[in-house]
Amino acid sequence: MPFRQQVRRLSTVMASALCLVMLAACAVAGPQRTVLKVVPYPDIPGSFDTMLSIVEQGFEKENPDIDLVLVTASVGDMYELPFLRGLLTNPTDRGGAHIVETDTIMMGDLALEGVIRPQTFTRDDWHPLIVQGTTVKGVRYGVPHWLCGNFLISRDKNITEAQGVKDMYRRIRAAKPQGPGLAGNYAGNSYLVLYYTQSWGQYRPQVSDLLPAIVGPVEPVNARSVAVASDLCIENGKNPCVDGTYYNDFTPIFERTVKGDYAAMQGFSESMWYLMQYGASPAEWYISPLPVGAVNRNVILGDAYIARKDMDPATAAAAEKFYNYMMKDSTYQSIIFSGGQPGQKVPRYLAPARLGIFALPDLKNDIYYQRVFAAMTSQGGTNYPNLFVPDNRDRIYDEVMPYLNGTKQVGPRKGLMQQHMKRMKDMKK
């Protein structure tokens, strides 16, 4: 065979082989997956990494055509509008994200700026107040995920039945006449503005819109009521709840409350997880809305998913699938009961935005979870404003803190989980 023919035949064979290799590679790779970048709210009890694994692996198993990329952020950053704005406007390959799970008090301003899209995904068993809390000027911009609120937590049922801040003061002093009685954290602008707003709403139980508490002048009667509660933390002439001691490290609140140094504490539903780290048995504890005003009235906020406005159709469709996965009974169940070591079934005591989740057997048979449900759904409640909080929280802090005899410098909200894990690591050194 002539040399030229041999070369031609060899080239044909090599080309055919290369085509087969490329076809096989294409078959393995499959169609291109849609990338969906999501920033979860970072401050939850228990292992954050375990929660991330549950969400990513479970979602991609059901949706193999979507590459879910979960991006972590600090708690402090999640309470800064420039950071959230950057996530929702920067290109996703340069620090941006498609979906952000944020505190509802931060979302309204972003809606008014036009950087997030209205939401059409819905569930019929969301808490009505969290639906209001994710709605801005008649349009819903959030997909509610978790509920939150400021609660009074105690082993003493009588204390949690207090009606108003003065009644709470009397009941705590009856149970603990001397020394500190109520632990909480008033330092940091994101906390104090919530207590003040709750007090404002509890002095106006017939008013559902609490926005005037945010944009209007500070009312002395409400500031003094918050001070009545904070005075229950005074110990040896000092107030660690106000002077920043507990702002820098929350964990003594949980440890000392379980020990009995305090008759009660202010916290969220998930505070029980932290109390459990110091030996608390959830069934022994009671919970009710925190009375810092004239009546005991629940005021709800929460965590909700918001999405950037400029998503293409494929990404928008992927986002809808993500919402659907996160709202499933099984997803809530997996996240809620993954608060321990691998293989352990330990509740994180997060409160689901879907009230139907409280009826799942594991939650229905948990007496503390049922007490959380009763507190979250108590009559006469309303929601925290979702507008203009970032622009007014420093002003409210500066005007309310003098009533508490505090001078702690304004600081961002700190994460309960981050502080707890730091304390645990320090103790092991």
Protein backbone atom coordinates (compact mmCIF):
# COMPACT_ATOMS: atom_id res chain seq x y z
CA MET A 1 0.00 0.00 0.00
CA PRO A 2 1.43 3.40 -0.93
CA PHE A 3 2.60 5.53 1.99
CA ARG A 4 0.08 8.32 1.21
CA GLN A 5 -2.84 5.87 1.39
CA GLN A 6 -1.57 4.51 4.72
CA VAL A 7 -1.43 7.99 6.19
CA ARG A 8 -4.92 8.80 4.89
CA ARG A 9 -6.38 5.55 6.33
CA LEU A 10 -4.61 6.12 9.68
CA SER A 11 -5.94 9.68 9.83
CA THR A 12 -9.47 8.42 9.15
CA VAL A 13 -9.20 5.83 11.93
CA MET A 14 -7.85 8.42 14.41
CA ALA A 15 -10.59 10.90 13.52
CA SER A 16 -13.26 8.26 14.00
CA ALA A 17 -11.79 7.31 17.37
CA LEU A 18 -11.67 10.97 18.44
CA CYS A 19 -15.33 11.42 17.49
CA LEU A 20 -16.28 8.38 19.53
CA VAL A 21 -14.38 9.75 22.54
CA MET A 22 -16.05 13.14 22.21
CA LEU A 23 -19.48 11.55 21.87
CA ALA A 24 -18.86 9.46 24.97
CA ALA A 25 -17.71 12.54 26.89
CA CYS A 26 -20.83 14.41 25.86
CA ALA A 27 -22.97 11.47 26.93
CA VAL A 28 -21.31 11.44 30.37
CA ALA A 29 -21.53 15.20 30.82
CA GLY A 30 -25.18 15.33 29.84
CA PRO A 31 -27.06 18.59 29.28
CA GLN A 32 -25.81 21.77 30.92
CA ARG A 33 -27.19 22.27 34.45
CA THR A 34 -28.81 25.51 35.61
CA VAL A 35 -26.78 27.12 38.37
CA LEU A 36 -28.78 28.52 41.30
CA LYS A 37 -26.89 30.52 43.94
CA VAL A 38 -28.60 30.83 47.33
CA VAL A 39 -27.45 32.57 50.52
CA PRO A 40 -29.15 30.90 53.54
CA TYR A 41 -29.76 32.83 56.74
CA PRO A 42 -26.64 31.90 58.73
CA ASP A 43 -27.66 32.01 62.37
CA ILE A 44 -29.37 28.79 63.32
CA PRO A 45 -28.74 26.47 66.29
CA GLY A 46 -26.91 23.21 65.71
CA SER A 47 -24.51 22.50 62.88
CA PHE A 48 -24.86 24.93 59.98
CA ASP A 49 -22.83 22.63 57.73
CA THR A 50 -25.25 19.76 58.41
CA MET A 51 -28.14 21.95 57.35
CA LEU A 52 -26.28 22.94 54.16
CA SER A 53 -25.65 19.28 53.31
CA ILE A 54 -29.30 18.35 53.88
CA VAL A 55 -30.47 21.12 51.55
CA GLU A 56 -27.89 20.74 48.79
CA GLN A 57 -27.88 16.95 48.58
CA GLY A 58 -31.62 16.55 48.96
CA PHE A 59 -32.46 19.24 46.43
CA GLU A 60 -30.00 18.07 43.78
CA LYS A 61 -31.18 14.47 44.17
CA GLU A 62 -34.68 15.58 43.26
CA ASN A 63 -33.50 18.15 40.70
CA PRO A 64 -30.38 16.77 38.95
CA ASP A 65 -30.66 19.40 36.23
CA ILE A 66 -29.93 22.18 38.76
CA ASP A 67 -26.57 22.93 40.39
CA LEU A 68 -27.45 24.41 43.78
CA VAL A 69 -24.63 26.54 45.14
CA LEU A 70 -25.10 27.56 48.78
CA VAL A 71 -23.11 30.65 49.73
CA THR A 72 -22.35 31.49 53.36
CA ALA A 73 -22.40 34.97 54.89
CA SER A 74 -21.92 36.43 58.37
CA VAL A 75 -24.89 37.38 60.53
CA GLY A 76 -23.68 40.97 60.84
CA ASP A 77 -23.50 41.38 57.05
CA MET A 78 -27.06 40.11 56.69
CA TYR A 79 -28.26 43.16 58.64
CA GLU A 80 -26.53 45.67 56.35
CA LEU A 81 -28.44 46.94 53.33
CA PRO A 82 -25.34 47.59 51.15
CA PHE A 83 -24.29 43.96 51.56
CA LEU A 84 -27.75 42.62 50.71
CA ARG A 85 -28.05 45.04 47.81
CA GLY A 86 -24.72 43.81 46.45
CA LEU A 87 -25.79 40.18 46.64
CA LEU A 88 -28.93 40.95 44.68
CA THR A 89 -27.44 43.22 42.01
CA ASN A 90 -23.84 42.09 41.41
CA PRO A 91 -23.36 39.45 38.70
CA THR A 92 -23.52 35.97 40.19
CA ASP A 93 -19.96 35.24 39.01
CA ARG A 94 -18.76 38.33 40.90
CA GLY A 95 -20.21 37.95 44.36
CA GLY A 96 -23.91 38.08 43.54
CA ALA A 97 -26.61 35.52 44.28
CA HIS A 98 -30.00 34.62 42.89
CA ILE A 99 -31.81 34.10 46.23
CA VAL A 100 -31.09 35.44 49.72
CA GLU A 101 -32.75 34.28 52.92
CA THR A 102 -33.08 37.43 54.99
CA ASP A 103 -34.75 38.77 58.10
CA THR A 104 -38.08 40.29 57.12
CA ILE A 105 -37.18 43.60 58.79
CA MET A 106 -34.53 44.07 56.07
CA MET A 107 -36.52 43.25 52.95
CA GLY A 108 -38.94 46.14 52.51
CA ASP A 109 -36.30 48.72 51.64
CA LEU A 110 -34.91 46.39 48.94
CA ALA A 111 -38.40 46.02 47.49
CA LEU A 112 -38.85 49.79 47.28
CA GLU A 113 -35.47 50.07 45.55
CA GLY A 114 -36.70 47.66 42.88
CA VAL A 115 -33.88 45.13 43.23
CA ILE A 116 -36.06 42.15 44.22
CA ARG A 117 -38.94 40.51 42.39
CA PRO A 118 -42.50 39.89 43.54
CA GLN A 119 -43.15 36.30 44.56
CA THR A 120 -45.91 34.09 43.18
CA PHE A 121 -44.96 30.86 44.98
CA THR A 122 -47.37 30.30 47.84
CA ARG A 123 -48.52 27.90 50.55
CA ASP A 124 -51.92 27.99 52.21
CA ASP A 125 -50.66 27.22 55.73
CA TRP A 126 -48.16 30.03 56.19
CA HIS A 127 -48.69 32.03 59.39
CA PRO A 128 -50.88 34.99 58.29
CA LEU A 129 -48.62 37.44 60.12
CA ILE A 130 -45.49 36.32 58.28
CA VAL A 131 -47.37 36.75 55.01
CA GLN A 132 -48.02 40.34 56.08
CA GLY A 133 -44.37 40.64 57.11
CA THR A 134 -43.22 39.71 53.60
CA THR A 135 -45.64 42.05 51.85
CA VAL A 136 -44.71 45.61 50.84
CA LYS A 137 -47.40 48.02 49.67
CA GLY A 138 -49.75 45.18 48.77
CA VAL A 139 -47.18 43.03 46.94
CA ARG A 140 -45.53 39.98 48.50
CA TYR A 141 -41.76 39.89 47.93
CA GLY A 142 -40.75 37.05 50.24
CA VAL A 143 -41.23 33.29 50.53
CA PRO A 144 -41.55 32.76 54.32
CA HIS A 145 -39.35 30.03 55.81
CA TRP A 146 -39.02 30.49 59.60
CA LEU A 147 -40.92 32.43 62.25
CA CYS A 148 -39.30 34.50 64.95
CA GLY A 149 -40.35 36.71 67.84
CA ASN A 150 -39.21 37.94 71.24
CA PHE A 151 -40.40 35.56 73.93
CA LEU A 152 -40.33 35.09 77.68
CA ILE A 153 -38.93 31.65 78.59
CA SER A 154 -39.03 30.19 82.09
CA ARG A 155 -39.46 26.99 84.09
CA ASP A 156 -42.09 28.90 86.09
CA LYS A 157 -45.39 28.80 84.21
CA ASN A 158 -46.74 31.59 86.40
CA ILE A 159 -44.09 33.99 85.10
CA THR A 160 -44.95 33.29 81.47
CA GLU A 161 -48.61 34.08 82.17
CA ALA A 162 -47.77 37.72 82.95
CA GLN A 163 -50.00 40.34 81.33
CA GLY A 164 -47.82 43.38 80.68
CA VAL A 165 -44.38 44.41 81.81
CA LYS A 166 -45.41 45.56 85.31
CA ASP A 167 -47.15 42.26 85.96
CA MET A 168 -44.08 40.40 84.71
CA TYR A 169 -41.88 42.43 87.05
CA ARG A 170 -44.10 41.54 90.04
CA ARG A 171 -44.19 37.84 89.19
CA ILE A 172 -40.44 37.59 88.69
CA ARG A 173 -39.75 39.45 91.92
CA ALA A 174 -42.17 37.15 93.76
CA ALA A 175 -40.24 34.15 92.46
CA LYS A 176 -36.81 35.71 92.98
CA PRO A 177 -36.90 38.64 95.42
CA GLN A 178 -33.15 39.30 95.37
CA GLY A 179 -30.58 39.56 92.61
CA PRO A 180 -31.09 39.32 88.86
CA GLY A 181 -34.38 37.91 87.62
CA LEU A 182 -34.57 38.28 83.84
CA ALA A 183 -31.72 37.79 81.35
CA GLY A 184 -31.62 39.31 77.89
CA ASN A 185 -29.54 41.39 75.52
CA TYR A 186 -30.33 45.06 74.92
CA ALA A 187 -26.97 46.08 73.49
CA GLY A 188 -26.77 46.25 69.71
CA ASN A 189 -29.18 48.28 67.62
CA SER A 190 -30.95 45.33 66.00
CA TYR A 191 -32.12 43.99 69.35
CA LEU A 192 -33.17 47.15 71.14
CA VAL A 193 -35.25 48.40 68.21
CA LEU A 194 -37.26 45.15 68.34
CA TYR A 195 -37.94 45.47 72.07
CA TYR A 196 -38.96 49.10 71.70
CA THR A 197 -41.25 48.34 68.75
CA GLN A 198 -42.84 45.46 70.64
CA SER A 199 -43.49 47.75 73.59
CA TRP A 200 -45.04 50.36 71.27
CA GLY A 201 -47.38 47.72 69.84
CA GLN A 202 -48.29 46.34 73.26
CA TYR A 203 -49.46 49.80 74.34
CA ARG A 204 -51.68 49.91 71.24
CA PRO A 205 -53.21 46.42 71.04
CA GLN A 206 -55.80 47.50 68.46
CA VAL A 207 -53.16 48.85 66.06
CA SER A 208 -51.79 46.34 63.54
CA ASP A 209 -49.39 48.64 61.67
CA LEU A 210 -46.35 49.30 63.86
CA LEU A 211 -44.46 51.38 61.28
CA PRO A 212 -45.03 54.63 63.27
CA ALA A 213 -42.87 53.09 66.01
CA ILE A 214 -39.99 52.97 63.53
CA VAL A 215 -40.35 56.32 61.75
CA GLY A 216 -41.89 58.41 64.53
CA PRO A 217 -40.28 59.94 67.63
CA VAL A 218 -39.43 57.65 70.53
CA GLU A 219 -42.31 57.57 73.04
CA PRO A 220 -41.03 57.89 76.64
CA VAL A 221 -43.70 55.54 78.02
CA ASN A 222 -42.48 52.76 75.75
CA ALA A 223 -38.81 53.40 76.46
CA ARG A 224 -39.51 53.34 80.20
CA SER A 225 -41.37 50.05 79.86
CA VAL A 226 -38.35 48.47 78.18
CA ALA A 227 -36.29 49.84 81.06
CA VAL A 228 -38.56 48.11 83.59
CA ALA A 229 -37.72 44.78 81.94
CA SER A 230 -34.00 45.55 81.64
CA ASP A 231 -33.78 46.51 85.34
CA LEU A 232 -34.55 42.90 86.21
CA CYS A 233 -31.05 42.05 85.01
CA ILE A 234 -29.22 44.35 87.46
CA GLU A 235 -26.69 42.46 89.57
CA ASN A 236 -24.36 44.00 92.15
CA GLY A 237 -25.01 47.46 90.75
CA LYS A 238 -24.22 46.46 87.15
CA ASN A 239 -26.41 45.41 84.27
CA PRO A 240 -24.72 42.91 81.92
CA CYS A 241 -27.82 42.88 79.72
CA VAL A 242 -27.31 46.57 78.94
CA ASP A 243 -23.61 47.32 79.31
CA GLY A 244 -22.51 45.02 76.48
CA THR A 245 -21.36 42.05 78.58
CA TYR A 246 -23.91 39.74 77.00
CA TYR A 247 -23.64 41.41 73.63
CA ASN A 248 -20.06 40.21 73.42
CA ASP A 249 -20.96 36.71 74.62
CA PHE A 250 -24.57 35.49 74.82
CA THR A 251 -23.81 32.05 76.20
CA PRO A 252 -23.83 33.01 79.94
CA ILE A 253 -27.50 33.90 79.50
CA PHE A 254 -28.31 30.28 78.68
CA GLU A 255 -25.93 28.76 81.18
CA ARG A 256 -27.02 30.94 84.10
CA THR A 257 -30.74 30.63 83.28
CA VAL A 258 -30.52 26.84 83.42
CA LYS A 259 -28.50 27.09 86.62
CA GLY A 260 -31.24 29.21 88.20
CA ASP A 261 -29.39 32.51 88.50
CA TYR A 262 -32.25 34.00 86.48
CA ALA A 263 -35.93 33.17 86.89
CA ALA A 264 -36.52 33.73 83.17
CA MET A 265 -34.85 34.87 79.97
CA GLN A 266 -35.77 36.77 76.83
CA GLY A 267 -35.17 34.83 73.66
CA PHE A 268 -36.42 33.17 70.51
CA SER A 269 -38.05 29.75 70.16
CA GLU A 270 -34.67 28.27 69.19
CA SER A 271 -33.13 29.54 72.43
CA MET A 272 -34.21 26.18 73.85
CA TRP A 273 -31.51 24.46 71.81
CA TYR A 274 -28.88 26.56 73.59
CA LEU A 275 -30.48 25.95 76.97
CA MET A 276 -30.31 22.22 76.25
CA GLN A 277 -26.54 22.47 75.89
CA TYR A 278 -26.49 23.22 79.63
CA GLY A 279 -28.88 20.48 80.66
CA ALA A 280 -32.33 22.00 80.17
CA SER A 281 -35.19 19.54 79.60
CA PRO A 282 -37.55 21.24 77.10
CA ALA A 283 -40.73 19.77 78.61
CA GLU A 284 -40.01 21.65 81.85
CA TRP A 285 -39.98 25.07 80.19
CA TYR A 286 -42.75 27.48 79.22
CA ILE A 287 -42.79 30.21 76.60
CA SER A 288 -44.99 33.22 75.87
CA PRO A 289 -44.68 36.54 74.01
CA LEU A 290 -42.36 38.88 75.88
CA PRO A 291 -44.40 41.53 77.74
CA VAL A 292 -42.55 44.86 77.47
CA GLY A 293 -45.66 47.02 77.30
CA ALA A 294 -49.15 47.28 78.75
CA VAL A 295 -50.37 43.86 77.54
CA ASN A 296 -48.93 40.56 76.43
CA ARG A 297 -49.08 40.74 72.64
CA ASN A 298 -47.21 38.67 70.08
CA VAL A 299 -45.20 40.50 67.41
CA ILE A 300 -43.87 38.31 64.59
CA LEU A 301 -40.92 38.60 62.24
CA GLY A 302 -39.04 35.85 60.46
CA ASP A 303 -36.70 34.67 57.73
CA ALA A 304 -37.86 34.67 54.13
CA TYR A 305 -36.39 34.07 50.69
CA ILE A 306 -36.08 37.08 48.42
CA ALA A 307 -34.85 36.90 44.82
CA ARG A 308 -33.02 39.23 42.47
CA LYS A 309 -35.11 40.90 39.80
CA ASP A 310 -32.98 40.07 36.75
CA MET A 311 -33.18 36.26 36.64
CA ASP A 312 -33.53 34.55 33.26
CA PRO A 313 -36.47 32.13 32.74
CA ALA A 314 -34.40 29.00 33.44
CA THR A 315 -33.06 30.38 36.72
CA ALA A 316 -36.49 31.67 37.75
CA ALA A 317 -37.90 28.19 37.15
CA ALA A 318 -35.07 26.70 39.24
CA ALA A 319 -35.90 29.14 42.03
CA GLU A 320 -39.52 27.95 42.07
CA LYS A 321 -38.28 24.36 42.43
CA PHE A 322 -36.04 25.45 45.30
CA TYR A 323 -38.92 27.10 47.15
CA ASN A 324 -41.03 24.00 46.65
CA TYR A 325 -38.28 21.76 48.06
CA MET A 326 -37.71 23.98 51.11
CA MET A 327 -41.44 24.05 51.89
CA LYS A 328 -41.85 20.25 51.85
CA ASP A 329 -42.75 18.46 55.08
CA SER A 330 -39.75 16.18 54.72
CA THR A 331 -37.30 19.07 54.28
CA TYR A 332 -38.55 20.87 57.36
CA GLN A 333 -38.45 17.59 59.29
CA SER A 334 -34.86 16.88 58.24
CA ILE A 335 -33.58 20.35 59.10
CA ILE A 336 -35.45 20.71 62.40
CA PHE A 337 -34.32 17.36 63.81
CA SER A 338 -30.67 17.54 62.75
CA GLY A 339 -29.54 19.62 65.73
CA GLY A 340 -27.25 16.96 67.23
CA GLN A 341 -24.40 14.74 66.17
CA PRO A 342 -24.81 12.66 62.97
CA GLY A 343 -27.40 9.98 63.57
CA GLN A 344 -28.97 11.80 66.52
CA LYS A 345 -32.51 13.18 66.36
CA VAL A 346 -32.19 16.48 68.22
CA PRO A 347 -34.61 19.37 67.58
CA ARG A 348 -33.19 22.77 66.74
CA TYR A 349 -36.48 24.34 67.93
CA LEU A 350 -36.70 26.62 64.93
CA ALA A 351 -40.29 27.72 64.32
CA PRO A 352 -41.55 26.88 60.80
CA ALA A 353 -43.44 29.51 58.83
CA ARG A 354 -45.79 26.75 57.70
CA LEU A 355 -48.13 26.16 60.63
CA GLY A 356 -48.96 22.72 59.26
CA ILE A 357 -45.44 21.57 60.16
CA PHE A 358 -46.35 21.87 63.85
CA ALA A 359 -48.84 19.05 63.23
CA LEU A 360 -46.20 16.56 62.06
CA PRO A 361 -45.97 13.71 64.61
CA ASP A 362 -42.51 14.59 65.93
CA LEU A 363 -43.51 18.19 66.60
CA LYS A 364 -47.00 17.35 67.79
CA ASN A 365 -45.55 14.99 70.39
CA ASP A 366 -43.00 17.55 71.60
CA ILE A 367 -44.65 19.55 74.37
CA TYR A 368 -42.25 22.50 74.07
CA TYR A 369 -42.91 22.75 70.33
CA GLN A 370 -46.63 22.86 71.05
CA ARG A 371 -46.04 25.67 73.54
CA VAL A 372 -44.09 27.52 70.83
CA PHE A 373 -47.04 27.04 68.47
CA ALA A 374 -49.44 28.46 71.08
CA ALA A 375 -47.17 31.47 71.65
CA MET A 376 -46.73 32.10 67.92
CA THR A 377 -50.47 31.94 67.22
CA SER A 378 -51.78 33.74 70.30
CA GLN A 379 -54.64 36.13 69.57
CA GLY A 380 -54.14 39.82 68.89
CA GLY A 381 -50.69 39.53 67.35
CA THR A 382 -49.16 41.55 64.55
CA ASN A 383 -45.92 41.69 62.58
CA TYR A 384 -42.82 43.83 62.84
CA PRO A 385 -42.49 46.50 60.16
CA ASN A 386 -40.39 45.56 57.14
CA LEU A 387 -39.72 49.14 56.04
CA PHE A 388 -37.20 51.79 57.11
CA VAL A 389 -35.74 49.78 60.00
CA PRO A 390 -32.10 50.06 58.79
CA ASP A 391 -32.33 53.86 58.52
CA ASN A 392 -33.90 54.31 61.96
CA ARG A 393 -32.39 51.67 64.23
CA ASP A 394 -29.38 53.74 65.28
CA ARG A 395 -31.61 56.71 66.11
CA ILE A 396 -33.99 54.56 68.14
CA TYR A 397 -31.06 52.95 69.92
CA ASP A 398 -29.54 56.32 70.81
CA GLU A 399 -32.85 57.65 72.14
CA VAL A 400 -33.96 54.55 74.07
CA MET A 401 -30.67 53.47 75.64
CA PRO A 402 -30.46 56.43 78.08
CA TYR A 403 -33.70 55.21 79.68
CA LEU A 404 -31.85 51.96 80.36
CA ASN A 405 -28.87 53.85 81.83
CA GLY A 406 -26.71 52.32 79.16
CA THR A 407 -23.98 53.83 77.00
CA LYS A 408 -22.87 50.79 75.01
CA GLN A 409 -21.71 51.73 71.52
CA VAL A 410 -24.11 50.80 68.75
CA GLY A 411 -23.16 47.56 67.08
CA PRO A 412 -24.59 45.12 64.51
CA ARG A 413 -26.60 42.09 65.43
CA LYS A 414 -24.44 39.14 66.44
CA GLY A 415 -25.30 35.54 65.85
CA LEU A 416 -26.36 33.33 68.74
CA MET A 417 -24.82 30.27 67.11
CA GLN A 418 -21.53 31.98 66.33
CA GLN A 419 -21.19 33.19 69.91
CA HIS A 420 -22.12 29.80 71.36
CA MET A 421 -19.62 27.90 69.19
CA LYS A 422 -16.87 30.37 70.05
CA ARG A 423 -17.57 29.83 73.75
CA MET A 424 -17.51 26.04 73.34
CA LYS A 425 -14.18 26.18 71.51
CA ASP A 426 -12.68 28.44 74.15
CA MET A 427 -13.81 26.07 76.92
CA LYS A 428 -12.09 23.13 75.19
CA LYS A 429 -8.73 24.89 74.97
